[in-house]
Protein backbone atom coordinates (compact mmCIF):
# COMPACT_ATOMS: atom_id res chain seq x y z
CA TRP A 1 70.89 -51.31 -9.50
CA LEU A 2 68.45 -48.41 -9.39
CA LYS A 3 67.90 -48.61 -13.15
CA GLN A 4 67.48 -52.38 -12.88
CA PHE A 5 65.03 -51.99 -10.00
CA VAL A 6 62.92 -49.48 -11.93
CA THR A 7 62.78 -51.77 -14.95
CA ARG A 8 62.11 -54.75 -12.65
CA ASP A 9 65.17 -56.61 -13.90
CA LEU A 10 66.64 -56.93 -10.45
CA LYS A 11 66.04 -60.47 -9.21
CA THR A 12 67.13 -59.84 -5.62
CA PRO A 13 65.79 -56.55 -4.23
CA PRO A 14 68.28 -54.65 -2.06
CA PRO A 15 67.71 -54.43 1.68
CA PRO A 16 65.69 -51.47 3.06
CA SER A 17 68.85 -49.89 4.42
CA VAL A 18 70.01 -49.49 0.83
CA TRP A 19 66.88 -48.46 -1.06
CA ARG A 20 65.20 -46.18 1.51
CA PRO A 21 67.77 -43.37 1.09
CA CYS A 22 67.26 -43.66 -2.67
CA ARG A 23 63.46 -43.57 -2.51
CA PRO A 24 63.14 -39.94 -3.77
CA LEU A 25 65.32 -40.79 -6.77
CA LEU A 26 63.29 -43.91 -7.38
CA LEU A 27 60.00 -41.99 -7.35
CA ALA A 28 61.41 -39.36 -9.68
CA ALA A 29 62.61 -42.05 -12.07
CA MET A 30 59.14 -43.58 -12.05
CA GLY A 31 57.64 -40.19 -12.91
CA TYR A 32 55.87 -39.53 -9.58
CA ALA A 33 58.24 -36.91 -8.10
CA GLY A 34 56.27 -36.87 -4.89
CA TYR A 35 52.84 -36.52 -6.51
CA ALA A 36 50.05 -39.05 -6.60
CA PRO A 37 49.99 -41.27 -9.70
CA GLY A 38 47.97 -39.76 -12.50
CA ASN A 39 48.38 -36.17 -11.24
CA LYS A 40 50.52 -34.04 -13.50
CA VAL A 41 52.25 -30.92 -12.29
CA ALA A 42 50.65 -27.94 -14.01
CA GLU A 43 53.11 -26.14 -16.21
CA SER A 44 53.57 -22.47 -15.42
CA GLN A 45 52.28 -20.12 -18.06
CA SER A 46 54.58 -17.77 -19.90
CA PRO A 47 54.01 -14.00 -19.63
CA LEU A 48 52.68 -14.06 -23.21
CA GLN A 49 50.14 -16.77 -22.38
CA GLN A 50 49.02 -14.86 -19.31
CA ALA A 51 48.59 -11.70 -21.37
CA LEU A 52 46.65 -13.55 -24.07
CA GLN A 53 44.22 -14.82 -21.42
CA SER A 54 43.63 -11.36 -19.90
CA LEU A 55 41.22 -10.13 -22.57
CA PRO A 56 37.52 -9.51 -21.84
CA LEU A 57 35.56 -12.62 -22.76
CA GLU A 58 32.99 -10.87 -24.94
CA LYS A 59 35.70 -9.20 -27.09
CA ALA A 60 38.45 -11.84 -26.98
CA GLN A 61 37.83 -13.55 -30.31
CA GLU A 62 37.63 -10.26 -32.18
CA ILE A 63 40.88 -8.99 -30.63
CA LEU A 64 42.68 -12.28 -31.25
CA GLU A 65 41.66 -12.24 -34.91
CA LEU A 66 43.33 -8.85 -35.30
CA LEU A 67 46.44 -9.96 -33.42
CA GLU A 68 46.70 -13.12 -35.51
CA LYS A 69 46.52 -11.12 -38.73
CA LEU A 70 49.28 -8.75 -37.58
CA THR A 71 51.43 -11.65 -36.41
CA ARG A 72 51.01 -13.75 -39.55
CA ASN A 73 51.94 -10.76 -41.71
CA VAL A 74 55.23 -10.42 -39.85
CA VAL A 75 55.95 -14.16 -39.83
CA ARG A 76 55.38 -14.45 -43.57
CA ASN A 77 57.22 -11.22 -44.40
CA PRO A 78 59.81 -10.71 -41.66
CA GLY A 79 61.71 -8.07 -43.61
CA GLU A 80 58.74 -5.93 -44.67
CA GLU A 81 58.86 -2.67 -42.73
CA LYS A 82 55.18 -1.91 -43.36
CA PHE A 83 54.19 -4.99 -41.37
CA ARG A 84 56.56 -4.13 -38.50
CA ARG A 85 55.02 -0.72 -37.84
CA VAL A 86 51.36 -0.42 -36.89
CA LYS A 87 49.53 2.81 -36.13
CA LEU A 88 47.57 2.82 -32.90
CA THR A 89 45.36 5.60 -34.22
CA GLY A 90 43.91 3.45 -37.00
CA ALA A 91 40.21 2.68 -36.76
CA LYS A 92 40.58 -1.03 -35.97
CA MET A 93 43.51 -0.68 -33.56
CA SER A 94 42.08 2.26 -31.63
CA ALA A 95 38.71 0.53 -31.29
CA ALA A 96 40.36 -2.74 -30.19
CA ILE A 97 42.51 -1.03 -27.56
CA ALA A 98 39.53 0.95 -26.28
CA GLU A 99 37.53 -2.25 -25.83
CA ALA A 100 40.47 -4.28 -24.46
CA PRO A 101 43.33 -2.14 -23.05
CA THR A 102 45.26 -5.30 -22.13
CA MET A 103 45.86 -5.83 -25.85
CA VAL A 104 48.80 -3.43 -25.45
CA ASN A 105 50.35 -5.83 -22.90
CA ILE A 106 50.11 -8.65 -25.44
CA LEU A 107 51.91 -6.58 -28.07
CA ARG A 108 54.65 -5.74 -25.56
CA GLU A 109 55.12 -9.39 -24.63
CA MET A 110 55.48 -10.22 -28.33
CA GLY A 111 58.26 -7.66 -28.66
CA TRP A 112 56.42 -4.63 -30.03
CA VAL A 113 57.64 -1.25 -28.79
CA GLU A 114 55.53 1.89 -28.51
CA GLU A 115 56.73 4.92 -30.46
CA GLU A 116 54.49 7.97 -30.40
CA ASP A 117 51.26 6.88 -32.13
CA CYS A 118 52.64 3.54 -33.36
CA VAL A 119 53.90 0.17 -32.19
CA VAL A 120 57.10 -0.99 -33.85
CA LEU A 121 58.73 -4.39 -33.99
CA PRO A 122 62.52 -3.91 -33.70
CA PRO A 123 64.73 -5.67 -36.30
CA SER A 124 66.16 -7.91 -33.58
CA VAL A 125 62.74 -9.37 -32.79
CA ARG A 126 61.62 -12.41 -34.76
CA LEU A 127 58.09 -13.69 -34.45
CA ALA A 128 57.80 -17.47 -34.80
CA HIS A 129 54.74 -19.32 -36.05
CA GLU A 130 55.11 -22.14 -33.53
CA VAL A 131 55.30 -19.69 -30.63
CA HIS A 132 53.29 -16.58 -31.44
CA VAL A 133 50.74 -17.72 -34.01
CA VAL A 134 50.14 -21.02 -32.21
CA GLY A 135 49.90 -19.14 -28.92
CA ILE A 136 47.10 -16.98 -30.34
CA ILE A 137 45.31 -20.04 -31.70
CA ASP A 138 45.54 -21.71 -28.29
CA ALA A 139 44.12 -18.56 -26.72
CA LYS A 140 41.16 -18.73 -29.10
CA ASP A 141 40.45 -22.28 -27.93
CA TYR A 142 40.77 -21.12 -24.32
CA TYR A 143 38.16 -18.40 -24.80
CA LYS A 144 35.82 -20.77 -26.64
CA LYS A 145 35.85 -23.03 -23.60
CA GLU A 146 35.40 -20.07 -21.26
CA ALA A 147 32.43 -18.83 -23.30
CA GLU A 148 30.83 -22.27 -23.12
CA ASN A 149 31.45 -22.44 -19.37
CA GLU A 150 29.92 -18.98 -18.94
CA ARG A 151 26.88 -20.04 -20.96
CA ARG A 152 26.45 -23.06 -18.71
CA ARG A 153 26.83 -20.93 -15.58
CA GLN A 154 24.15 -18.54 -16.77
CA LEU A 155 21.89 -21.46 -17.64
CA ARG A 156 22.32 -22.94 -14.18
CA ALA A 157 21.67 -19.55 -12.59
CA SER A 158 18.51 -19.14 -14.67
CA LYS A 159 17.26 -22.57 -13.67
CA GLU A 160 18.02 -21.83 -10.03
CA GLY A 161 16.09 -18.56 -10.26
CA ASP A 162 13.11 -20.34 -11.83
CA ARG A 163 13.22 -22.97 -9.09
CA GLU A 164 13.16 -20.32 -6.36
CA LYS A 165 10.27 -18.56 -8.11
CA ASP A 166 8.29 -21.82 -8.32
CA GLN A 167 8.91 -22.49 -4.63
CA LEU A 168 7.67 -19.00 -3.74
CA LEU A 169 4.51 -19.41 -5.82
CA LYS A 170 3.81 -22.80 -4.24
CA GLN A 171 4.23 -21.35 -0.76
CA MET A 172 1.86 -18.49 -1.58
CA GLU A 173 -0.72 -21.00 -2.84
CA LEU A 174 -0.39 -23.06 0.35
CA ASP A 175 -0.86 -19.95 2.47
CA ARG A 176 -3.98 -19.03 0.49
CA LYS A 177 -5.50 -22.50 0.95
CA GLU A 178 -4.79 -22.43 4.69
CA LYS A 179 -6.62 -19.13 5.04
CA GLU A 180 -9.59 -20.47 3.07
CA ALA A 181 -9.73 -23.54 5.29
CA GLU A 182 -9.86 -21.37 8.41
CA GLY A 183 -12.99 -19.59 7.10
CA PRO A 184 -14.02 -15.95 7.54
CA VAL A 185 -13.20 -14.26 10.82
CA THR A 186 -16.41 -13.52 12.88
CA HIS A 187 -16.78 -11.23 15.90
CA GLY A 188 -19.43 -11.92 18.62
CA SER A 189 -21.77 -9.20 19.94
CA VAL A 190 -20.22 -7.30 22.80
CA ALA A 191 -22.27 -5.18 25.18
CA LYS A 192 -21.05 -1.64 25.31
CA ASN A 193 -21.02 0.35 28.49
CA LEU A 194 -22.51 3.73 27.68
CA GLY A 195 -21.45 5.12 31.03
CA ASP A 196 -23.05 7.95 32.93
CA GLY A 197 -22.48 10.72 30.52
CA PRO A 198 -24.54 13.92 30.54
CA ASN A 199 -26.80 12.73 27.72
CA VAL A 200 -27.97 9.59 29.54
CA MET A 201 -31.53 9.88 30.93
CA ARG A 202 -32.39 7.84 34.01
CA ALA A 203 -35.87 6.58 35.04
CA GLY A 204 -35.84 8.81 38.07
CA ASP A 205 -35.36 11.82 35.92
CA ILE A 206 -38.89 11.46 34.56
CA GLY A 207 -40.53 10.47 37.87
CA ILE A 208 -40.63 6.71 37.42
CA GLY A 209 -40.12 4.79 40.60
CA LYS A 210 -40.58 7.75 42.91
CA SER A 211 -43.42 8.03 45.45
CA SER A 212 -45.72 11.04 45.36
CA GLY A 213 -44.87 11.95 48.89
CA GLY A 214 -41.17 11.58 48.42
């Protein structure tokens, strides 16, 4: 009856005592599996996918181009030994690894093995277009989106910085106008007490105000 109930062919629904214990199975059959409708469970990434997404953003496309070329050579010519052995000391490979050391992790996940100054693909390892080449292409799309997101983030940050600068300039202009409205600061005349220092001459010192007989 569960199949009938899911397809809505059951004319008489079973009592709650029957369908409640089967509710988890019913939800799973309907595709919900305990999650809200419309929400899909994110698929876990494979180690290769994780490695492909570990490259520095500014060098990712360049590194992926090189990896795609190496991978396509092997896929098209699986028995060619020259395509299954790559020197790490070559100009392109050494520069790529220097700029993105995690490239070595990608090669390992694809089955390449390090031997002295080379990486070698053992005879037992077969690279597949639908797995390895497509995986690299998907990684390219991933980095394109990340580059666009980074560009948008920088644009938003730039706009935010300009907004803060404009607010600061406006506040400085308001402060200047407030000071102008207050006018210049004036100080009233204040009498100074010269005191009784030794250089002060009194009227009595020159005979003013004293009687002749005094």
